[in-house]
Amino acid sequence: MDQQSAPRFMTVSEVADIMRVSKMTVYRLIHSGQMPAIRVGKSFRVPQAAVAQLIESGLVDHSDDRIAGIGG
């Protein structure tokens, strides 16, 4: 597999740092199936693309709130 096309993986600690949550929260996301991960020995590795996708899916667009009179 070409190194450029190979998926990039992150540790649970790296994911927690990026998302500004605890490692336990990342473990919960993995165990609930909300975040895909592979097991390497006793630890997990999370695809970098999955982290980006989860963050994007959680972003909320409040641009319509002002039009509807919601919010400030």
N, C-alpha and C. Protein backbone atom coordinates (compact mmCIF):
# COMPACT_ATOMS: atom_id res chain seq x y z
N MET A 1 0.85 -1.18 0.00
CA MET A 1 0.00 0.00 0.00
C MET A 1 0.89 1.24 0.00
N ASP A 2 0.58 2.19 -0.84
CA ASP A 2 1.31 3.43 -0.95
C ASP A 2 1.17 4.23 0.34
N GLN A 3 2.27 4.79 0.83
CA GLN A 3 2.24 5.50 2.10
C GLN A 3 1.30 6.71 2.05
N GLN A 4 1.18 7.36 0.89
CA GLN A 4 0.30 8.51 0.78
C GLN A 4 -1.17 8.12 0.89
N SER A 5 -1.53 6.92 0.44
CA SER A 5 -2.93 6.52 0.48
C SER A 5 -3.26 5.71 1.72
N ALA A 6 -2.26 5.39 2.52
CA ALA A 6 -2.49 4.61 3.74
C ALA A 6 -3.25 5.48 4.75
N PRO A 7 -4.24 4.90 5.43
CA PRO A 7 -4.96 5.68 6.44
C PRO A 7 -4.05 6.07 7.60
N ARG A 8 -4.27 7.24 8.15
CA ARG A 8 -3.49 7.72 9.29
C ARG A 8 -4.28 7.40 10.56
N PHE A 9 -3.59 6.93 11.58
CA PHE A 9 -4.24 6.55 12.82
C PHE A 9 -3.74 7.41 13.97
N MET A 10 -4.60 7.61 14.95
CA MET A 10 -4.29 8.42 16.12
C MET A 10 -4.52 7.59 17.38
N THR A 11 -3.80 7.92 18.43
CA THR A 11 -4.02 7.27 19.72
C THR A 11 -5.23 7.90 20.40
N VAL A 12 -5.73 7.23 21.42
CA VAL A 12 -6.86 7.77 22.19
C VAL A 12 -6.48 9.10 22.82
N SER A 13 -5.27 9.22 23.30
CA SER A 13 -4.81 10.48 23.90
C SER A 13 -4.80 11.62 22.87
N GLU A 14 -4.33 11.33 21.67
CA GLU A 14 -4.30 12.35 20.63
C GLU A 14 -5.71 12.80 20.26
N VAL A 15 -6.63 11.85 20.16
CA VAL A 15 -8.02 12.18 19.84
C VAL A 15 -8.61 13.05 20.97
N ALA A 16 -8.36 12.65 22.21
CA ALA A 16 -8.88 13.41 23.35
C ALA A 16 -8.35 14.84 23.34
N ASP A 17 -7.07 15.02 23.03
CA ASP A 17 -6.48 16.35 22.98
C ASP A 17 -7.13 17.21 21.90
N ILE A 18 -7.32 16.64 20.72
CA ILE A 18 -7.91 17.38 19.60
C ILE A 18 -9.35 17.78 19.91
N MET A 19 -10.10 16.85 20.48
CA MET A 19 -11.51 17.11 20.76
C MET A 19 -11.73 17.83 22.09
N ARG A 20 -10.65 18.00 22.87
CA ARG A 20 -10.71 18.64 24.19
C ARG A 20 -11.72 17.94 25.10
N VAL A 21 -11.59 16.61 25.15
CA VAL A 21 -12.39 15.78 26.04
C VAL A 21 -11.44 14.84 26.77
N SER A 22 -11.97 14.10 27.71
CA SER A 22 -11.12 13.14 28.43
C SER A 22 -10.92 11.88 27.60
N LYS A 23 -9.90 11.12 27.95
CA LYS A 23 -9.66 9.84 27.28
C LYS A 23 -10.86 8.91 27.50
N MET A 24 -11.48 8.98 28.68
CA MET A 24 -12.63 8.13 28.97
C MET A 24 -13.77 8.43 27.99
N THR A 25 -13.97 9.69 27.64
CA THR A 25 -15.00 10.04 26.66
C THR A 25 -14.71 9.40 25.32
N VAL A 26 -13.45 9.40 24.91
CA VAL A 26 -13.07 8.77 23.65
C VAL A 26 -13.32 7.26 23.72
N TYR A 27 -12.95 6.65 24.82
CA TYR A 27 -13.22 5.22 24.99
C TYR A 27 -14.71 4.93 24.92
N ARG A 28 -15.53 5.79 25.52
CA ARG A 28 -16.98 5.60 25.45
C ARG A 28 -17.49 5.70 24.01
N LEU A 29 -16.97 6.66 23.26
CA LEU A 29 -17.36 6.80 21.85
C LEU A 29 -16.98 5.56 21.06
N ILE A 30 -15.82 5.00 21.33
CA ILE A 30 -15.36 3.80 20.65
C ILE A 30 -16.25 2.61 21.01
N HIS A 31 -16.48 2.41 22.30
CA HIS A 31 -17.25 1.24 22.75
C HIS A 31 -18.72 1.33 22.34
N SER A 32 -19.25 2.55 22.18
CA SER A 32 -20.64 2.70 21.77
C SER A 32 -20.80 2.57 20.26
N GLY A 33 -19.68 2.56 19.53
CA GLY A 33 -19.75 2.45 18.08
C GLY A 33 -19.87 3.78 17.36
N GLN A 34 -19.83 4.88 18.11
CA GLN A 34 -19.92 6.20 17.49
C GLN A 34 -18.62 6.62 16.82
N MET A 35 -17.51 6.02 17.25
CA MET A 35 -16.21 6.31 16.67
C MET A 35 -15.53 4.99 16.31
N PRO A 36 -15.23 4.80 15.03
CA PRO A 36 -14.56 3.56 14.64
C PRO A 36 -13.12 3.53 15.14
N ALA A 37 -12.66 2.34 15.46
CA ALA A 37 -11.29 2.18 15.94
C ALA A 37 -10.85 0.74 15.70
N ILE A 38 -9.56 0.55 15.64
CA ILE A 38 -9.02 -0.81 15.58
C ILE A 38 -8.23 -1.05 16.85
N ARG A 39 -8.18 -2.29 17.23
CA ARG A 39 -7.42 -2.66 18.43
C ARG A 39 -6.04 -3.14 18.01
N VAL A 40 -5.02 -2.58 18.61
CA VAL A 40 -3.64 -2.98 18.37
C VAL A 40 -3.09 -3.40 19.71
N GLY A 41 -2.99 -4.69 19.92
CA GLY A 41 -2.57 -5.18 21.23
C GLY A 41 -3.63 -4.83 22.25
N LYS A 42 -3.23 -4.08 23.27
CA LYS A 42 -4.17 -3.68 24.31
C LYS A 42 -4.69 -2.25 24.11
N SER A 43 -4.25 -1.59 23.05
CA SER A 43 -4.68 -0.21 22.85
C SER A 43 -5.50 -0.06 21.56
N PHE A 44 -6.13 1.09 21.43
CA PHE A 44 -6.95 1.39 20.26
C PHE A 44 -6.26 2.43 19.40
N ARG A 45 -6.52 2.36 18.11
CA ARG A 45 -6.08 3.39 17.17
C ARG A 45 -7.32 3.82 16.39
N VAL A 46 -7.46 5.14 16.24
CA VAL A 46 -8.63 5.72 15.60
C VAL A 46 -8.20 6.35 14.28
N PRO A 47 -8.90 6.05 13.18
CA PRO A 47 -8.55 6.68 11.90
C PRO A 47 -8.72 8.20 12.00
N GLN A 48 -7.74 8.92 11.51
CA GLN A 48 -7.77 10.38 11.56
C GLN A 48 -8.99 10.92 10.83
N ALA A 49 -9.36 10.30 9.72
CA ALA A 49 -10.52 10.74 8.95
C ALA A 49 -11.81 10.59 9.76
N ALA A 50 -11.89 9.56 10.60
CA ALA A 50 -13.08 9.35 11.42
C ALA A 50 -13.23 10.45 12.46
N VAL A 51 -12.11 10.92 13.00
CA VAL A 51 -12.14 12.01 13.98
C VAL A 51 -12.66 13.28 13.31
N ALA A 52 -12.12 13.58 12.14
CA ALA A 52 -12.56 14.78 11.40
C ALA A 52 -14.04 14.69 11.06
N GLN A 53 -14.48 13.51 10.65
CA GLN A 53 -15.90 13.32 10.29
C GLN A 53 -16.80 13.49 11.51
N LEU A 54 -16.40 12.95 12.64
CA LEU A 54 -17.20 13.08 13.87
C LEU A 54 -17.29 14.53 14.31
N ILE A 55 -16.18 15.25 14.22
CA ILE A 55 -16.18 16.66 14.60
C ILE A 55 -17.09 17.45 13.67
N GLU A 56 -16.97 17.21 12.36
CA GLU A 56 -17.82 17.92 11.39
C GLU A 56 -19.28 17.61 11.60
N SER A 57 -19.61 16.37 11.88
CA SER A 57 -21.02 16.00 12.06
C SER A 57 -21.60 16.62 13.32
N GLY A 58 -20.75 16.99 14.26
CA GLY A 58 -21.22 17.59 15.50
C GLY A 58 -21.30 19.10 15.44
N LEU A 59 -20.76 19.70 14.38
CA LEU A 59 -20.82 21.15 14.26
C LEU A 59 -22.26 21.58 14.02
N VAL A 60 -22.66 22.63 14.71
CA VAL A 60 -24.02 23.12 14.59
C VAL A 60 -23.99 24.45 13.87
N ASP A 61 -24.87 24.59 12.89
CA ASP A 61 -24.98 25.84 12.15
C ASP A 61 -26.12 26.66 12.75
N HIS A 62 -25.77 27.75 13.39
CA HIS A 62 -26.77 28.59 14.03
C HIS A 62 -27.18 29.77 13.15
N SER A 63 -26.80 29.76 11.88
CA SER A 63 -27.11 30.89 11.01
C SER A 63 -28.61 31.07 10.81
N ASP A 64 -29.39 29.99 10.85
CA ASP A 64 -30.83 30.09 10.67
C ASP A 64 -31.54 30.53 11.95
N ASP A 65 -30.88 30.42 13.10
CA ASP A 65 -31.50 30.77 14.39
C ASP A 65 -31.89 32.25 14.44
N ARG A 66 -31.05 33.11 13.92
CA ARG A 66 -31.35 34.56 13.96
C ARG A 66 -32.54 34.87 13.07
N ILE A 67 -32.63 34.20 11.94
CA ILE A 67 -33.76 34.44 11.03
C ILE A 67 -35.06 34.01 11.69
N ALA A 68 -35.01 32.89 12.42
CA ALA A 68 -36.22 32.37 13.07
C ALA A 68 -36.52 33.08 14.38
N GLY A 69 -35.65 34.01 14.79
CA GLY A 69 -35.86 34.73 16.04
C GLY A 69 -35.39 33.98 17.26
N ILE A 70 -34.59 32.94 17.03
CA ILE A 70 -34.05 32.14 18.14
C ILE A 70 -32.65 32.66 18.45
N GLY A 71 -32.32 32.75 19.67
CA GLY A 71 -30.97 33.17 20.03
C GLY A 71 -30.84 34.67 19.98
N GLY A 72 -29.61 35.11 20.14
CA GLY A 72 -29.39 36.48 20.37
C GLY A 72 -29.18 37.46 19.36
